[in-house]
PDB file of all heavy atoms in Angstrom:
ATOM      1  N   GLU A   1     -11.010  -1.899   3.270  1.00  0.00           N
ATOM      2  CA  GLU A   1     -10.091  -2.894   3.892  1.00  0.00           C
ATOM      3  C   GLU A   1     -10.180  -4.265   3.286  1.00  0.00           C
ATOM      4  O   GLU A   1      -9.200  -4.933   3.109  1.00  0.00           O
ATOM      5  CB  GLU A   1     -10.332  -2.897   5.416  1.00  0.00           C
ATOM      6  CG  GLU A   1      -9.347  -3.805   6.164  1.00  0.00           C
ATOM      7  CD  GLU A   1      -9.485  -3.699   7.669  1.00  0.00           C
ATOM      8  OE1 GLU A   1     -10.158  -2.748   8.132  1.00  0.00           O
ATOM      9  OE2 GLU A   1      -8.919  -4.529   8.338  1.00  0.00           O
ATOM     10  N   GLY A   2     -11.424  -4.656   2.958  1.00  0.00           N
ATOM     11  CA  GLY A   2     -11.652  -5.992   2.391  1.00  0.00           C
ATOM     12  C   GLY A   2     -10.870  -6.194   1.123  1.00  0.00           C
ATOM     13  O   GLY A   2     -10.281  -7.206   0.847  1.00  0.00           O
ATOM     14  N   VAL A   3     -10.923  -5.163   0.230  1.00  0.00           N
ATOM     15  CA  VAL A   3     -10.243  -5.186  -1.035  1.00  0.00           C
ATOM     16  C   VAL A   3      -8.725  -5.233  -0.820  1.00  0.00           C
ATOM     17  O   VAL A   3      -8.032  -5.987  -1.524  1.00  0.00           O
ATOM     18  CB  VAL A   3     -10.648  -4.016  -1.946  1.00  0.00           C
ATOM     19  CG1 VAL A   3      -9.772  -3.944  -3.190  1.00  0.00           C
ATOM     20  CG2 VAL A   3     -12.101  -4.136  -2.330  1.00  0.00           C
ATOM     21  N   LEU A   4      -8.239  -4.510   0.142  1.00  0.00           N
ATOM     22  CA  LEU A   4      -6.811  -4.515   0.440  1.00  0.00           C
ATOM     23  C   LEU A   4      -6.342  -5.901   0.900  1.00  0.00           C
ATOM     24  O   LEU A   4      -5.248  -6.357   0.524  1.00  0.00           O
ATOM     25  CB  LEU A   4      -6.472  -3.452   1.494  1.00  0.00           C
ATOM     26  CG  LEU A   4      -6.506  -2.005   1.032  1.00  0.00           C
ATOM     27  CD1 LEU A   4      -6.455  -1.053   2.258  1.00  0.00           C
ATOM     28  CD2 LEU A   4      -5.359  -1.664   0.133  1.00  0.00           C
ATOM     29  N   GLN A   5      -7.159  -6.554   1.712  1.00  0.00           N
ATOM     30  CA  GLN A   5      -6.777  -7.880   2.169  1.00  0.00           C
ATOM     31  C   GLN A   5      -6.701  -8.862   0.977  1.00  0.00           C
ATOM     32  O   GLN A   5      -5.769  -9.610   0.842  1.00  0.00           O
ATOM     33  CB  GLN A   5      -7.820  -8.380   3.196  1.00  0.00           C
ATOM     34  CG  GLN A   5      -7.819  -7.633   4.513  1.00  0.00           C
ATOM     35  CD  GLN A   5      -6.818  -8.190   5.493  1.00  0.00           C
ATOM     36  OE1 GLN A   5      -6.064  -9.060   5.171  1.00  0.00           O
ATOM     37  NE2 GLN A   5      -6.730  -7.582   6.678  1.00  0.00           N
ATOM     38  N   GLU A   6      -7.733  -8.827   0.117  1.00  0.00           N
ATOM     39  CA  GLU A   6      -7.773  -9.770  -0.988  1.00  0.00           C
ATOM     40  C   GLU A   6      -6.620  -9.473  -1.965  1.00  0.00           C
ATOM     41  O   GLU A   6      -5.974 -10.396  -2.490  1.00  0.00           O
ATOM     42  CB  GLU A   6      -9.116  -9.617  -1.720  1.00  0.00           C
ATOM     43  CG  GLU A   6     -10.287 -10.165  -0.914  1.00  0.00           C
ATOM     44  CD  GLU A   6     -11.627  -9.914  -1.617  1.00  0.00           C
ATOM     45  OE1 GLU A   6     -11.566  -9.520  -2.810  1.00  0.00           O
ATOM     46  OE2 GLU A   6     -12.662 -10.115  -1.016  1.00  0.00           O
ATOM     47  N   THR A   7      -6.382  -8.185  -2.211  1.00  0.00           N
ATOM     48  CA  THR A   7      -5.263  -7.824  -3.119  1.00  0.00           C
ATOM     49  C   THR A   7      -3.929  -8.245  -2.552  1.00  0.00           C
ATOM     50  O   THR A   7      -3.095  -8.748  -3.313  1.00  0.00           O
ATOM     51  CB  THR A   7      -5.338  -6.312  -3.348  1.00  0.00           C
ATOM     52  OG1 THR A   7      -6.544  -5.966  -3.978  1.00  0.00           O
ATOM     53  CG2 THR A   7      -4.188  -5.883  -4.254  1.00  0.00           C
ATOM     54  N   GLY A   8      -3.738  -8.039  -1.265  1.00  0.00           N
ATOM     55  CA  GLY A   8      -2.449  -8.450  -0.661  1.00  0.00           C
ATOM     56  C   GLY A   8      -2.222  -9.965  -0.830  1.00  0.00           C
ATOM     57  O   GLY A   8      -1.112 -10.394  -1.173  1.00  0.00           O
ATOM     58  N   ASP A   9      -3.262 -10.758  -0.583  1.00  0.00           N
ATOM     59  CA  ASP A   9      -3.111 -12.199  -0.773  1.00  0.00           C
ATOM     60  C   ASP A   9      -2.695 -12.564  -2.150  1.00  0.00           C
ATOM     61  O   ASP A   9      -1.795 -13.400  -2.407  1.00  0.00           O
ATOM     62  CB  ASP A   9      -4.436 -12.886  -0.401  1.00  0.00           C
ATOM     63  CG  ASP A   9      -4.773 -12.852   1.064  1.00  0.00           C
ATOM     64  OD1 ASP A   9      -3.847 -12.550   1.869  1.00  0.00           O
ATOM     65  OD2 ASP A   9      -5.935 -13.063   1.416  1.00  0.00           O
ATOM     66  N   ARG A  10      -3.333 -11.916  -3.130  1.00  0.00           N
ATOM     67  CA  ARG A  10      -3.019 -12.234  -4.549  1.00  0.00           C
ATOM     68  C   ARG A  10      -1.577 -11.856  -4.915  1.00  0.00           C
ATOM     69  O   ARG A  10      -0.890 -12.617  -5.558  1.00  0.00           O
ATOM     70  CB  ARG A  10      -4.042 -11.534  -5.478  1.00  0.00           C
ATOM     71  CG  ARG A  10      -3.788 -11.735  -6.921  1.00  0.00           C
ATOM     72  CD  ARG A  10      -4.808 -11.030  -7.799  1.00  0.00           C
ATOM     73  NE  ARG A  10      -4.837  -9.588  -7.553  1.00  0.00           N
ATOM     74  CZ  ARG A  10      -3.931  -8.745  -8.051  1.00  0.00           C
ATOM     75  NH1 ARG A  10      -2.947  -9.211  -8.814  1.00  0.00           N
ATOM     76  NH2 ARG A  10      -4.036  -7.428  -7.830  1.00  0.00           N
ATOM     77  N   LEU A  11      -1.194 -10.640  -4.469  1.00  0.00           N
ATOM     78  CA  LEU A  11       0.124 -10.174  -4.873  1.00  0.00           C
ATOM     79  C   LEU A  11       1.232 -10.944  -4.193  1.00  0.00           C
ATOM     80  O   LEU A  11       2.270 -11.253  -4.775  1.00  0.00           O
ATOM     81  CB  LEU A  11       0.259  -8.697  -4.539  1.00  0.00           C
ATOM     82  CG  LEU A  11      -0.530  -7.725  -5.407  1.00  0.00           C
ATOM     83  CD1 LEU A  11      -0.419  -6.288  -4.879  1.00  0.00           C
ATOM     84  CD2 LEU A  11      -0.123  -7.788  -6.824  1.00  0.00           C
ATOM     85  N   LEU A  12       1.015 -11.340  -2.950  1.00  0.00           N
ATOM     86  CA  LEU A  12       2.028 -12.129  -2.265  1.00  0.00           C
ATOM     87  C   LEU A  12       2.204 -13.542  -2.888  1.00  0.00           C
ATOM     88  O   LEU A  12       3.300 -14.046  -2.890  1.00  0.00           O
ATOM     89  CB  LEU A  12       1.641 -12.253  -0.773  1.00  0.00           C
ATOM     90  CG  LEU A  12       1.668 -10.967   0.035  1.00  0.00           C
ATOM     91  CD1 LEU A  12       1.169 -11.197   1.440  1.00  0.00           C
ATOM     92  CD2 LEU A  12       3.090 -10.341   0.084  1.00  0.00           C
ATOM     93  N   ALA A  13       1.102 -14.055  -3.393  1.00  0.00           N
ATOM     94  CA  ALA A  13       1.224 -15.363  -4.068  1.00  0.00           C
ATOM     95  C   ALA A  13       2.003 -15.275  -5.373  1.00  0.00           C
ATOM     96  O   ALA A  13       2.679 -16.146  -5.763  1.00  0.00           O
ATOM     97  CB  ALA A  13      -0.188 -15.892  -4.316  1.00  0.00           C
ATOM     98  N   ARG A  14       1.780 -14.126  -6.072  1.00  0.00           N
ATOM     99  CA  ARG A  14       2.459 -13.947  -7.347  1.00  0.00           C
ATOM    100  C   ARG A  14       3.923 -13.578  -7.229  1.00  0.00           C
ATOM    101  O   ARG A  14       4.777 -13.994  -8.041  1.00  0.00           O
ATOM    102  CB  ARG A  14       1.693 -12.858  -8.169  1.00  0.00           C
ATOM    103  CG  ARG A  14       2.414 -12.624  -9.485  1.00  0.00           C
ATOM    104  CD  ARG A  14       1.620 -11.783 -10.443  1.00  0.00           C
ATOM    105  NE  ARG A  14       2.392 -11.594 -11.676  1.00  0.00           N
ATOM    106  CZ  ARG A  14       2.041 -10.774 -12.641  1.00  0.00           C
ATOM    107  NH1 ARG A  14       0.861 -10.185 -12.641  1.00  0.00           N
ATOM    108  NH2 ARG A  14       2.807 -10.684 -13.717  1.00  0.00           N
ATOM    109  N   PHE A  15       4.258 -12.709  -6.221  1.00  0.00           N
ATOM    110  CA  PHE A  15       5.629 -12.218  -6.045  1.00  0.00           C
ATOM    111  C   PHE A  15       6.143 -12.699  -4.704  1.00  0.00           C
ATOM    112  O   PHE A  15       5.925 -12.040  -3.658  1.00  0.00           O
ATOM    113  CB  PHE A  15       5.640 -10.713  -6.144  1.00  0.00           C
ATOM    114  CG  PHE A  15       5.172 -10.126  -7.444  1.00  0.00           C
ATOM    115  CD1 PHE A  15       3.875  -9.552  -7.544  1.00  0.00           C
ATOM    116  CD2 PHE A  15       5.900 -10.202  -8.584  1.00  0.00           C
ATOM    117  CE1 PHE A  15       3.450  -9.047  -8.712  1.00  0.00           C
ATOM    118  CE2 PHE A  15       5.474  -9.694  -9.818  1.00  0.00           C
ATOM    119  CZ  PHE A  15       4.203  -9.145  -9.861  1.00  0.00           C
ATOM    120  N   PRO A  16       6.872 -13.813  -4.668  1.00  0.00           N
ATOM    121  CA  PRO A  16       7.371 -14.348  -3.393  1.00  0.00           C
ATOM    122  C   PRO A  16       8.239 -13.404  -2.607  1.00  0.00           C
ATOM    123  O   PRO A  16       8.414 -13.576  -1.384  1.00  0.00           O
ATOM    124  CB  PRO A  16       8.123 -15.602  -3.831  1.00  0.00           C
ATOM    125  CG  PRO A  16       7.563 -15.990  -5.179  1.00  0.00           C
ATOM    126  CD  PRO A  16       7.234 -14.648  -5.783  1.00  0.00           C
ATOM    127  N   TRP A  17       8.882 -12.473  -3.279  1.00  0.00           N
ATOM    128  CA  TRP A  17       9.799 -11.538  -2.600  1.00  0.00           C
ATOM    129  C   TRP A  17       9.096 -10.296  -2.030  1.00  0.00           C
ATOM    130  O   TRP A  17       9.728  -9.490  -1.325  1.00  0.00           O
ATOM    131  CB  TRP A  17      10.863 -11.034  -3.634  1.00  0.00           C
ATOM    132  CG  TRP A  17      10.198 -10.499  -4.913  1.00  0.00           C
ATOM    133  CD1 TRP A  17      10.003 -11.219  -6.058  1.00  0.00           C
ATOM    134  CD2 TRP A  17       9.710  -9.202  -5.128  1.00  0.00           C
ATOM    135  NE1 TRP A  17       9.395 -10.439  -7.000  1.00  0.00           N
ATOM    136  CE2 TRP A  17       9.194  -9.194  -6.473  1.00  0.00           C
ATOM    137  CE3 TRP A  17       9.625  -8.037  -4.419  1.00  0.00           C
ATOM    138  CZ2 TRP A  17       8.646  -8.062  -7.095  1.00  0.00           C
ATOM    139  CZ3 TRP A  17       9.044  -6.902  -4.956  1.00  0.00           C
ATOM    140  CH2 TRP A  17       8.564  -6.910  -6.295  1.00  0.00           C
ATOM    141  N   LEU A  18       7.819 -10.121  -2.349  1.00  0.00           N
ATOM    142  CA  LEU A  18       7.147  -8.872  -2.061  1.00  0.00           C
ATOM    143  C   LEU A  18       6.738  -8.721  -0.562  1.00  0.00           C
ATOM    144  O   LEU A  18       6.289  -9.724   0.047  1.00  0.00           O
ATOM    145  CB  LEU A  18       5.932  -8.721  -2.940  1.00  0.00           C
ATOM    146  CG  LEU A  18       5.127  -7.429  -2.878  1.00  0.00           C
ATOM    147  CD1 LEU A  18       5.998  -6.262  -3.360  1.00  0.00           C
ATOM    148  CD2 LEU A  18       3.869  -7.520  -3.745  1.00  0.00           C
ATOM    149  N   GLN A  19       6.858  -7.512  -0.053  1.00  0.00           N
ATOM    150  CA  GLN A  19       6.234  -7.113   1.232  1.00  0.00           C
ATOM    151  C   GLN A  19       5.170  -6.113   0.900  1.00  0.00           C
ATOM    152  O   GLN A  19       5.400  -5.150   0.174  1.00  0.00           O
ATOM    153  CB  GLN A  19       7.257  -6.552   2.180  1.00  0.00           C
ATOM    154  CG  GLN A  19       6.677  -6.155   3.530  1.00  0.00           C
ATOM    155  CD  GLN A  19       7.705  -5.547   4.477  1.00  0.00           C
ATOM    156  OE1 GLN A  19       8.900  -5.731   4.330  1.00  0.00           O
ATOM    157  NE2 GLN A  19       7.209  -4.824   5.457  1.00  0.00           N
ATOM    158  N   VAL A  20       3.963  -6.311   1.486  1.00  0.00           N
ATOM    159  CA  VAL A  20       2.837  -5.395   1.274  1.00  0.00           C
ATOM    160  C   VAL A  20       2.476  -4.780   2.607  1.00  0.00           C
ATOM    161  O   VAL A  20       2.138  -5.485   3.582  1.00  0.00           O
ATOM    162  CB  VAL A  20       1.605  -6.102   0.685  1.00  0.00           C
ATOM    163  CG1 VAL A  20       0.444  -5.168   0.551  1.00  0.00           C
ATOM    164  CG2 VAL A  20       1.981  -6.731  -0.693  1.00  0.00           C
ATOM    165  N   ASN A  21       2.515  -3.455   2.696  1.00  0.00           N
ATOM    166  CA  ASN A  21       2.104  -2.673   3.896  1.00  0.00           C
ATOM    167  C   ASN A  21       0.862  -1.909   3.463  1.00  0.00           C
ATOM    168  O   ASN A  21       0.951  -0.787   2.995  1.00  0.00           O
ATOM    169  CB  ASN A  21       3.220  -1.747   4.387  1.00  0.00           C
ATOM    170  CG  ASN A  21       4.458  -2.508   4.852  1.00  0.00           C
ATOM    171  OD1 ASN A  21       4.320  -3.697   5.242  1.00  0.00           O
ATOM    172  ND2 ASN A  21       5.563  -1.886   4.958  1.00  0.00           N
ATOM    173  N   ALA A  22      -0.296  -2.489   3.732  1.00  0.00           N
ATOM    174  CA  ALA A  22      -1.530  -1.898   3.230  1.00  0.00           C
ATOM    175  C   ALA A  22      -1.983  -0.749   4.181  1.00  0.00           C
ATOM    176  O   ALA A  22      -1.783  -0.792   5.400  1.00  0.00           O
ATOM    177  CB  ALA A  22      -2.634  -2.963   3.158  1.00  0.00           C
ATOM    178  N   LEU A  23      -2.564   0.255   3.577  1.00  0.00           N
ATOM    179  CA  LEU A  23      -2.991   1.443   4.287  1.00  0.00           C
ATOM    180  C   LEU A  23      -4.486   1.694   4.050  1.00  0.00           C
ATOM    181  O   LEU A  23      -4.924   1.840   2.895  1.00  0.00           O
ATOM    182  CB  LEU A  23      -2.189   2.680   3.783  1.00  0.00           C
ATOM    183  CG  LEU A  23      -0.677   2.550   3.901  1.00  0.00           C
ATOM    184  CD1 LEU A  23       0.018   3.638   3.091  1.00  0.00           C
ATOM    185  CD2 LEU A  23      -0.203   2.585   5.343  1.00  0.00           C
ATOM    186  N   VAL A  24      -5.244   1.783   5.127  1.00  0.00           N
ATOM    187  CA  VAL A  24      -6.650   2.008   5.004  1.00  0.00           C
ATOM    188  C   VAL A  24      -6.915   3.488   5.356  1.00  0.00           C
ATOM    189  O   VAL A  24      -6.606   3.967   6.442  1.00  0.00           O
ATOM    190  CB  VAL A  24      -7.484   1.125   6.020  1.00  0.00           C
ATOM    191  CG1 VAL A  24      -8.980   1.302   5.811  1.00  0.00           C
ATOM    192  CG2 VAL A  24      -7.125  -0.347   5.813  1.00  0.00           C
ATOM    193  N   GLY A  25      -7.561   4.203   4.424  1.00  0.00           N
ATOM    194  CA  GLY A  25      -7.881   5.583   4.733  1.00  0.00           C
ATOM    195  C   GLY A  25      -8.334   6.319   3.454  1.00  0.00           C
ATOM    196  O   GLY A  25      -8.357   5.750   2.390  1.00  0.00           O
ATOM    197  N   ASP A  26      -8.711   7.585   3.660  1.00  0.00           N
ATOM    198  CA  ASP A  26      -9.164   8.430   2.616  1.00  0.00           C
ATOM    199  C   ASP A  26      -8.069   9.485   2.247  1.00  0.00           C
ATOM    200  O   ASP A  26      -7.824  10.381   3.082  1.00  0.00           O
ATOM    201  CB  ASP A  26     -10.457   9.118   3.049  1.00  0.00           C
ATOM    202  CG  ASP A  26     -11.103   9.983   1.970  1.00  0.00           C
ATOM    203  OD1 ASP A  26     -10.439  10.271   0.975  1.00  0.00           O
ATOM    204  OD2 ASP A  26     -12.279  10.322   2.178  1.00  0.00           O
ATOM    205  N   TYR A  27      -7.442   9.377   1.171  1.00  0.00           N
ATOM    206  CA  TYR A  27      -6.306  10.235   0.829  1.00  0.00           C
ATOM    207  C   TYR A  27      -6.769  11.689   0.582  1.00  0.00           C
ATOM    208  O   TYR A  27      -5.985  12.576   0.615  1.00  0.00           O
ATOM    209  CB  TYR A  27      -5.523   9.759  -0.343  1.00  0.00           C
ATOM    210  CG  TYR A  27      -6.265   9.518  -1.659  1.00  0.00           C
ATOM    211  CD1 TYR A  27      -6.664  10.542  -2.440  1.00  0.00           C
ATOM    212  CD2 TYR A  27      -6.650   8.204  -2.015  1.00  0.00           C
ATOM    213  CE1 TYR A  27      -7.352  10.351  -3.643  1.00  0.00           C
ATOM    214  CE2 TYR A  27      -7.327   7.999  -3.192  1.00  0.00           C
ATOM    215  CZ  TYR A  27      -7.693   9.033  -3.991  1.00  0.00           C
ATOM    216  OH  TYR A  27      -8.463   8.824  -5.135  1.00  0.00           O
ATOM    217  N   THR A  28      -8.094  11.881   0.387  1.00  0.00           N
ATOM    218  CA  THR A  28      -8.581  13.267   0.204  1.00  0.00           C
ATOM    219  C   THR A  28      -8.570  14.022   1.544  1.00  0.00           C
ATOM    220  O   THR A  28      -8.797  15.233   1.557  1.00  0.00           O
ATOM    221  CB  THR A  28     -10.011  13.303  -0.394  1.00  0.00           C
ATOM    222  OG1 THR A  28     -10.931  12.667   0.508  1.00  0.00           O
ATOM    223  CG2 THR A  28     -10.028  12.535  -1.751  1.00  0.00           C
ATOM    224  N   ALA A  29      -8.384  13.298   2.631  1.00  0.00           N
ATOM    225  CA  ALA A  29      -8.340  13.889   3.952  1.00  0.00           C
ATOM    226  C   ALA A  29      -7.006  14.433   4.363  1.00  0.00           C
ATOM    227  O   ALA A  29      -6.735  14.793   5.521  1.00  0.00           O
ATOM    228  CB  ALA A  29      -8.885  12.994   5.040  1.00  0.00           C
ATOM    229  N   GLY A  30      -6.103  14.482   3.359  1.00  0.00           N
ATOM    230  CA  GLY A  30      -4.738  14.955   3.616  1.00  0.00           C
ATOM    231  C   GLY A  30      -3.774  13.797   3.909  1.00  0.00           C
ATOM    232  O   GLY A  30      -4.162  12.697   4.271  1.00  0.00           O
ATOM    233  N   LEU A  31      -2.499  14.116   3.718  1.00  0.00           N
ATOM    234  CA  LEU A  31      -1.478  13.057   3.788  1.00  0.00           C
ATOM    235  C   LEU A  31      -0.510  13.238   4.973  1.00  0.00           C
ATOM    236  O   LEU A  31       0.561  12.603   4.995  1.00  0.00           O
ATOM    237  CB  LEU A  31      -0.658  13.020   2.481  1.00  0.00           C
ATOM    238  CG  LEU A  31      -1.522  12.808   1.170  1.00  0.00           C
ATOM    239  CD1 LEU A  31      -0.639  12.883  -0.039  1.00  0.00           C
ATOM    240  CD2 LEU A  31      -2.314  11.529   1.254  1.00  0.00           C
ATOM    241  N   ASP A  32      -0.840  14.062   5.905  1.00  0.00           N
ATOM    242  CA  ASP A  32       0.025  14.321   7.008  1.00  0.00           C
ATOM    243  C   ASP A  32       0.428  13.086   7.793  1.00  0.00           C
ATOM    244  O   ASP A  32       1.537  12.984   8.315  1.00  0.00           O
ATOM    245  CB  ASP A  32      -0.573  15.310   8.036  1.00  0.00           C
ATOM    246  CG  ASP A  32      -0.692  16.744   7.440  1.00  0.00           C
ATOM    247  OD1 ASP A  32      -0.288  16.935   6.296  1.00  0.00           O
ATOM    248  OD2 ASP A  32      -1.191  17.627   8.136  1.00  0.00           O
ATOM    249  N   HIS A  33      -0.528  12.122   7.877  1.00  0.00           N
ATOM    250  CA  HIS A  33      -0.262  10.910   8.623  1.00  0.00           C
ATOM    251  C   HIS A  33       0.104   9.701   7.782  1.00  0.00           C
ATOM    252  O   HIS A  33       0.154   8.563   8.279  1.00  0.00           O
ATOM    253  CB  HIS A  33      -1.468  10.582   9.496  1.00  0.00           C
ATOM    254  CG  HIS A  33      -1.850  11.724  10.434  1.00  0.00           C
ATOM    255  ND1 HIS A  33      -1.010  12.195  11.343  1.00  0.00           N
ATOM    256  CD2 HIS A  33      -3.008  12.474  10.467  1.00  0.00           C
ATOM    257  CE1 HIS A  33      -1.604  13.173  12.015  1.00  0.00           C
ATOM    258  NE2 HIS A  33      -2.796  13.367  11.505  1.00  0.00           N
ATOM    259  N   LEU A  34       0.281   9.950   6.528  1.00  0.00           N
ATOM    260  CA  LEU A  34       0.735   8.869   5.597  1.00  0.00           C
ATOM    261  C   LEU A  34       2.184   8.507   5.959  1.00  0.00           C
ATOM    262  O   LEU A  34       3.010   9.370   6.011  1.00  0.00           O
ATOM    263  CB  LEU A  34       0.653   9.307   4.120  1.00  0.00           C
ATOM    264  CG  LEU A  34       1.024   8.281   3.086  1.00  0.00           C
ATOM    265  CD1 LEU A  34       0.058   7.149   3.062  1.00  0.00           C
ATOM    266  CD2 LEU A  34       1.129   8.955   1.713  1.00  0.00           C
ATOM    267  N   PRO A  35       2.479   7.223   6.208  1.00  0.00           N
ATOM    268  CA  PRO A  35       3.848   6.832   6.543  1.00  0.00           C
ATOM    269  C   PRO A  35       4.824   7.281   5.470  1.00  0.00           C
ATOM    270  O   PRO A  35       4.517   7.290   4.298  1.00  0.00           O
ATOM    271  CB  PRO A  35       3.813   5.320   6.653  1.00  0.00           C
ATOM    272  CG  PRO A  35       2.351   5.035   6.953  1.00  0.00           C
ATOM    273  CD  PRO A  35       1.549   6.040   6.221  1.00  0.00           C
ATOM    274  N   ARG A  36       6.054   7.679   5.915  1.00  0.00           N
ATOM    275  CA  ARG A  36       7.132   8.033   4.989  1.00  0.00           C
ATOM    276  C   ARG A  36       8.240   6.968   5.140  1.00  0.00           C
ATOM    277  O   ARG A  36       9.072   7.120   5.979  1.00  0.00           O
ATOM    278  CB  ARG A  36       7.699   9.417   5.278  1.00  0.00           C
ATOM    279  CG  ARG A  36       6.757  10.581   4.947  1.00  0.00           C
ATOM    280  CD  ARG A  36       7.515  11.877   5.080  1.00  0.00           C
ATOM    281  NE  ARG A  36       6.678  13.033   4.723  1.00  0.00           N
ATOM    282  CZ  ARG A  36       5.982  13.791   5.559  1.00  0.00           C
ATOM    283  NH1 ARG A  36       5.960  13.426   6.807  1.00  0.00           N
ATOM    284  NH2 ARG A  36       5.333  14.799   5.110  1.00  0.00           N
ATOM    285  N   PRO A  37       8.138   5.908   4.358  1.00  0.00           N
ATOM    286  CA  PRO A  37       9.136   4.861   4.533  1.00  0.00           C
ATOM    287  C   PRO A  37      10.537   5.352   4.136  1.00  0.00           C
ATOM    288  O   PRO A  37      10.698   6.198   3.275  1.00  0.00           O
ATOM    289  CB  PRO A  37       8.660   3.749   3.590  1.00  0.00           C
ATOM    290  CG  PRO A  37       7.798   4.472   2.600  1.00  0.00           C
ATOM    291  CD  PRO A  37       7.177   5.582   3.304  1.00  0.00           C
ATOM    292  N   ALA A  38      11.599   4.852   4.782  1.00  0.00           N
ATOM    293  CA  ALA A  38      12.946   5.252   4.511  1.00  0.00           C
ATOM    294  C   ALA A  38      13.344   4.663   3.144  1.00  0.00           C
ATOM    295  O   ALA A  38      13.327   3.526   2.892  1.00  0.00           O
ATOM    296  CB  ALA A  38      13.878   4.776   5.567  1.00  0.00           C
ATOM    297  N   GLY A  39      13.740   5.581   2.254  1.00  0.00           N
ATOM    298  CA  GLY A  39      14.190   5.154   0.931  1.00  0.00           C
ATOM    299  C   GLY A  39      13.378   5.865  -0.167  1.00  0.00           C
ATOM    300  O   GLY A  39      12.385   6.505   0.110  1.00  0.00           O
ATOM    301  N   ARG A  40      13.821   5.722  -1.400  1.00  0.00           N
ATOM    302  CA  ARG A  40      13.200   6.439  -2.534  1.00  0.00           C
ATOM    303  C   ARG A  40      11.773   5.842  -2.835  1.00  0.00           C
ATOM    304  O   ARG A  40      11.627   4.659  -2.985  1.00  0.00           O
ATOM    305  CB  ARG A  40      14.134   6.225  -3.757  1.00  0.00           C
ATOM    306  CG  ARG A  40      13.711   7.079  -4.933  1.00  0.00           C
ATOM    307  CD  ARG A  40      14.818   7.163  -5.992  1.00  0.00           C
ATOM    308  NE  ARG A  40      15.433   5.869  -6.251  1.00  0.00           N
ATOM    309  CZ  ARG A  40      16.570   5.458  -5.709  1.00  0.00           C
ATOM    310  NH1 ARG A  40      17.327   6.239  -4.933  1.00  0.00           N
ATOM    311  NH2 ARG A  40      17.052   4.247  -5.990  1.00  0.00           N
ATOM    312  N   CYS A  41      10.825   6.741  -2.949  1.00  0.00           N
ATOM    313  CA  CYS A  41       9.430   6.359  -3.098  1.00  0.00           C
ATOM    314  C   CYS A  41       8.974   6.758  -4.509  1.00  0.00           C
ATOM    315  O   CYS A  41       9.225   7.855  -4.978  1.00  0.00           O
ATOM    316  CB  CYS A  41       8.528   7.058  -2.083  1.00  0.00           C
ATOM    317  SG  CYS A  41       8.784   6.428  -0.387  1.00  0.00           S
ATOM    318  N   LEU A  42       8.203   5.830  -5.116  1.00  0.00           N
ATOM    319  CA  LEU A  42       7.467   6.148  -6.279  1.00  0.00           C
ATOM    320  C   LEU A  42       6.016   6.169  -5.902  1.00  0.00           C
ATOM    321  O   LEU A  42       5.427   5.127  -5.535  1.00  0.00           O
ATOM    322  CB  LEU A  42       7.674   5.111  -7.390  1.00  0.00           C
ATOM    323  CG  LEU A  42       6.852   5.300  -8.666  1.00  0.00           C
ATOM    324  CD1 LEU A  42       7.097   6.606  -9.349  1.00  0.00           C
ATOM    325  CD2 LEU A  42       7.072   4.121  -9.609  1.00  0.00           C
ATOM    326  N   TYR A  43       5.369   7.365  -5.902  1.00  0.00           N
ATOM    327  CA  TYR A  43       3.953   7.486  -5.619  1.00  0.00           C
ATOM    328  C   TYR A  43       3.187   7.246  -6.944  1.00  0.00           C
ATOM    329  O   TYR A  43       3.604   7.761  -7.993  1.00  0.00           O
ATOM    330  CB  TYR A  43       3.649   8.868  -5.053  1.00  0.00           C
ATOM    331  CG  TYR A  43       4.249   9.042  -3.700  1.00  0.00           C
ATOM    332  CD1 TYR A  43       5.531   9.584  -3.530  1.00  0.00           C
ATOM    333  CD2 TYR A  43       3.577   8.615  -2.551  1.00  0.00           C
ATOM    334  CE1 TYR A  43       6.119   9.710  -2.287  1.00  0.00           C
ATOM    335  CE2 TYR A  43       4.151   8.761  -1.265  1.00  0.00           C
ATOM    336  CZ  TYR A  43       5.390   9.309  -1.167  1.00  0.00           C
ATOM    337  OH  TYR A  43       5.985   9.432   0.098  1.00  0.00           O
ATOM    338  N   VAL A  44       2.153   6.452  -6.883  1.00  0.00           N
ATOM    339  CA  VAL A  44       1.448   6.020  -8.066  1.00  0.00           C
ATOM    340  C   VAL A  44      -0.040   6.412  -7.917  1.00  0.00           C
ATOM    341  O   VAL A  44      -0.638   6.123  -6.892  1.00  0.00           O
ATOM    342  CB  VAL A  44       1.584   4.490  -8.234  1.00  0.00           C
ATOM    343  CG1 VAL A  44       0.762   4.014  -9.400  1.00  0.00           C
ATOM    344  CG2 VAL A  44       3.045   4.109  -8.416  1.00  0.00           C
ATOM    345  N   PHE A  45      -0.572   7.035  -8.976  1.00  0.00           N
ATOM    346  CA  PHE A  45      -1.966   7.494  -8.986  1.00  0.00           C
ATOM    347  C   PHE A  45      -2.462   7.210 -10.435  1.00  0.00           C
ATOM    348  O   PHE A  45      -2.252   8.014 -11.317  1.00  0.00           O
ATOM    349  CB  PHE A  45      -2.050   8.965  -8.604  1.00  0.00           C
ATOM    350  CG  PHE A  45      -3.420   9.409  -8.205  1.00  0.00           C
ATOM    351  CD1 PHE A  45      -4.326   8.560  -7.587  1.00  0.00           C
ATOM    352  CD2 PHE A  45      -3.783  10.730  -8.444  1.00  0.00           C
ATOM    353  CE1 PHE A  45      -5.525   9.017  -7.151  1.00  0.00           C
ATOM    354  CE2 PHE A  45      -5.078  11.204  -8.036  1.00  0.00           C
ATOM    355  CZ  PHE A  45      -5.919  10.349  -7.395  1.00  0.00           C
ATOM    356  N   LEU A  46      -3.117   6.056 -10.598  1.00  0.00           N
ATOM    357  CA  LEU A  46      -3.390   5.566 -11.927  1.00  0.00           C
ATOM    358  C   LEU A  46      -4.904   5.670 -12.211  1.00  0.00           C
ATOM    359  O   LEU A  46      -5.693   6.132 -11.425  1.00  0.00           O
ATOM    360  CB  LEU A  46      -2.903   4.077 -12.043  1.00  0.00           C
ATOM    361  CG  LEU A  46      -1.443   3.829 -11.935  1.00  0.00           C
ATOM    362  CD1 LEU A  46      -1.138   2.376 -11.968  1.00  0.00           C
ATOM    363  CD2 LEU A  46      -0.669   4.573 -13.046  1.00  0.00           C
TER     364      LEU A  46
END
């Protein structure tokens, strides 16, 4: 969570138009409860 908070602050300062909805959790525990936002999604795993 701490890294997500710091990252959100940095990205919001760089991109004034951006909205960040941070998610805290372990994706290896399954994605059933991962939010499905309305609209086309690009999932990124880098």
